[in-house]
C-alpha atoms as a PDB file:
ATOM      1  CA  UNK A   1       0.166   0.124   0.128  1.00  0.00           C
ATOM      2  CA  UNK A   2       1.563   3.842  -0.970  1.00  0.00           C
ATOM      3  CA  UNK A   3       1.689   5.973   1.502  1.00  0.00           C
ATOM      4  CA  UNK A   4      -1.139   8.804   0.846  1.00  0.00           C
ATOM      5  CA  UNK A   5      -0.187  12.097  -0.761  1.00  0.00           C
ATOM      6  CA  UNK A   6      -0.920  15.209  -0.054  1.00  0.00           C
ATOM      7  CA  UNK A   7      -0.267  19.490  -0.668  1.00  0.00           C
ATOM      8  CA  UNK A   8      -0.758  20.763   2.154  1.00  0.00           C
ATOM      9  CA  UNK A   9       1.878  23.310   2.224  1.00  0.00           C
ATOM     10  CA  UNK A  10       2.256  22.824   6.277  1.00  0.00           C
ATOM     11  CA  UNK A  11       3.665  18.950   5.918  1.00  0.00           C
ATOM     12  CA  UNK A  12       5.545  19.288   3.263  1.00  0.00           C
ATOM     13  CA  UNK A  13       8.978  20.810   4.059  1.00  0.00           C
ATOM     14  CA  UNK A  14      10.675  23.175   2.530  1.00  0.00           C
ATOM     15  CA  UNK A  15       7.361  24.896   0.869  1.00  0.00           C
ATOM     16  CA  UNK A  16       6.746  28.165   3.080  1.00  0.00           C
ATOM     17  CA  UNK A  17       9.208  31.183   2.235  1.00  0.00           C
ATOM     18  CA  UNK A  18       9.779  33.916   4.180  1.00  0.00           C
ATOM     19  CA  UNK A  19       7.616  37.088   2.963  1.00  0.00           C
ATOM     20  CA  UNK A  20      11.357  39.057   3.040  1.00  0.00           C
ATOM     21  CA  UNK A  21      12.309  36.557  -0.198  1.00  0.00           C
ATOM     22  CA  UNK A  22       9.220  36.736  -2.354  1.00  0.00           C
ATOM     23  CA  UNK A  23       9.686  38.289  -5.337  1.00  0.00           C
ATOM     24  CA  UNK A  24       6.305  40.369  -5.647  1.00  0.00           C
ATOM     25  CA  UNK A  25       6.817  41.047  -1.863  1.00  0.00           C
ATOM     26  CA  UNK A  26       6.936  44.650  -2.441  1.00  0.00           C
ATOM     27  CA  UNK A  27       3.734  44.889  -4.250  1.00  0.00           C
ATOM     28  CA  UNK A  28       0.699  46.844  -2.605  1.00  0.00           C
ATOM     29  CA  UNK A  29      -0.669  44.143   0.251  1.00  0.00           C
ATOM     30  CA  UNK A  30      -4.198  42.346  -1.398  1.00  0.00           C
ATOM     31  CA  UNK A  31      -7.613  42.884  -1.162  1.00  0.00           C
ATOM     32  CA  UNK A  32      -7.665  39.556   0.859  1.00  0.00           C
ATOM     33  CA  UNK A  33      -5.079  40.111   3.133  1.00  0.00           C
ATOM     34  CA  UNK A  34      -6.584  43.583   4.081  1.00  0.00           C
ATOM     35  CA  UNK A  35      -9.970  41.768   4.010  1.00  0.00           C
ATOM     36  CA  UNK A  36      -8.231  39.314   6.976  1.00  0.00           C
ATOM     37  CA  UNK A  37      -5.869  41.733   8.574  1.00  0.00           C
ATOM     38  CA  UNK A  38      -8.863  43.980   9.147  1.00  0.00           C
ATOM     39  CA  UNK A  39     -10.472  41.454  10.941  1.00  0.00           C
ATOM     40  CA  UNK A  40      -7.602  40.852  12.492  1.00  0.00           C
ATOM     41  CA  UNK A  41      -7.386  43.792  13.664  1.00  0.00           C
ATOM     42  CA  UNK A  42     -10.479  44.216  15.143  1.00  0.00           C
ATOM     43  CA  UNK A  43     -10.240  40.998  17.194  1.00  0.00           C
ATOM     44  CA  UNK A  44      -6.789  42.163  18.677  1.00  0.00           C
ATOM     45  CA  UNK A  45      -7.759  45.660  19.288  1.00  0.00           C
ATOM     46  CA  UNK A  46      -5.000  46.502  16.804  1.00  0.00           C
ATOM     47  CA  UNK A  47      -4.779  49.588  14.157  1.00  0.00           C
ATOM     48  CA  UNK A  48      -3.122  48.303  10.790  1.00  0.00           C
ATOM     49  CA  UNK A  49      -1.237  50.739   8.502  1.00  0.00           C
ATOM     50  CA  UNK A  50      -3.062  51.611   5.140  1.00  0.00           C
ATOM     51  CA  UNK A  51       0.350  51.327   3.248  1.00  0.00           C
ATOM     52  CA  UNK A  52       1.271  48.034   3.290  1.00  0.00           C
ATOM     53  CA  UNK A  53       3.545  45.291   1.215  1.00  0.00           C
ATOM     54  CA  UNK A  54       2.394  41.688   0.307  1.00  0.00           C
ATOM     55  CA  UNK A  55       5.316  40.941   2.678  1.00  0.00           C
ATOM     56  CA  UNK A  56       4.343  43.615   5.290  1.00  0.00           C
ATOM     57  CA  UNK A  57       0.753  42.138   5.584  1.00  0.00           C
ATOM     58  CA  UNK A  58       1.953  38.515   5.426  1.00  0.00           C
ATOM     59  CA  UNK A  59       4.025  38.639   8.615  1.00  0.00           C
ATOM     60  CA  UNK A  60       1.759  41.537  10.449  1.00  0.00           C
ATOM     61  CA  UNK A  61      -0.647  38.327   9.793  1.00  0.00           C
ATOM     62  CA  UNK A  62       1.238  36.123  11.359  1.00  0.00           C
ATOM     63  CA  UNK A  63       1.685  38.737  14.317  1.00  0.00           C
ATOM     64  CA  UNK A  64      -2.004  38.895  14.834  1.00  0.00           C
ATOM     65  CA  UNK A  65      -3.093  35.897  14.599  1.00  0.00           C
ATOM     66  CA  UNK A  66      -0.665  35.076  17.263  1.00  0.00           C
ATOM     67  CA  UNK A  67      -2.181  36.856  19.733  1.00  0.00           C
ATOM     68  CA  UNK A  68      -6.159  35.854  18.542  1.00  0.00           C
ATOM     69  CA  UNK A  69      -7.769  34.325  20.968  1.00  0.00           C
ATOM     70  CA  UNK A  70     -10.785  33.298  18.157  1.00  0.00           C
ATOM     71  CA  UNK A  71      -7.709  31.892  15.578  1.00  0.00           C
ATOM     72  CA  UNK A  72      -5.128  28.826  17.253  1.00  0.00           C
ATOM     73  CA  UNK A  73      -1.465  28.355  16.054  1.00  0.00           C
END
């Protein structure tokens, strides 16, 4: 019997790239990032700067997720 395959990035070694290394990291954050940051900021009582890059938004999402009571991990 063969092992099941997975595409879950968290379980594949080397698939998570540091936002500082993203080719498009200097582009403006996406609408999805802005929306998620708004939700997380409301939950954590923080304010989100308006002009973030994709990389900055990703790092802030990780930070706010770690402080949100609703989001685990």
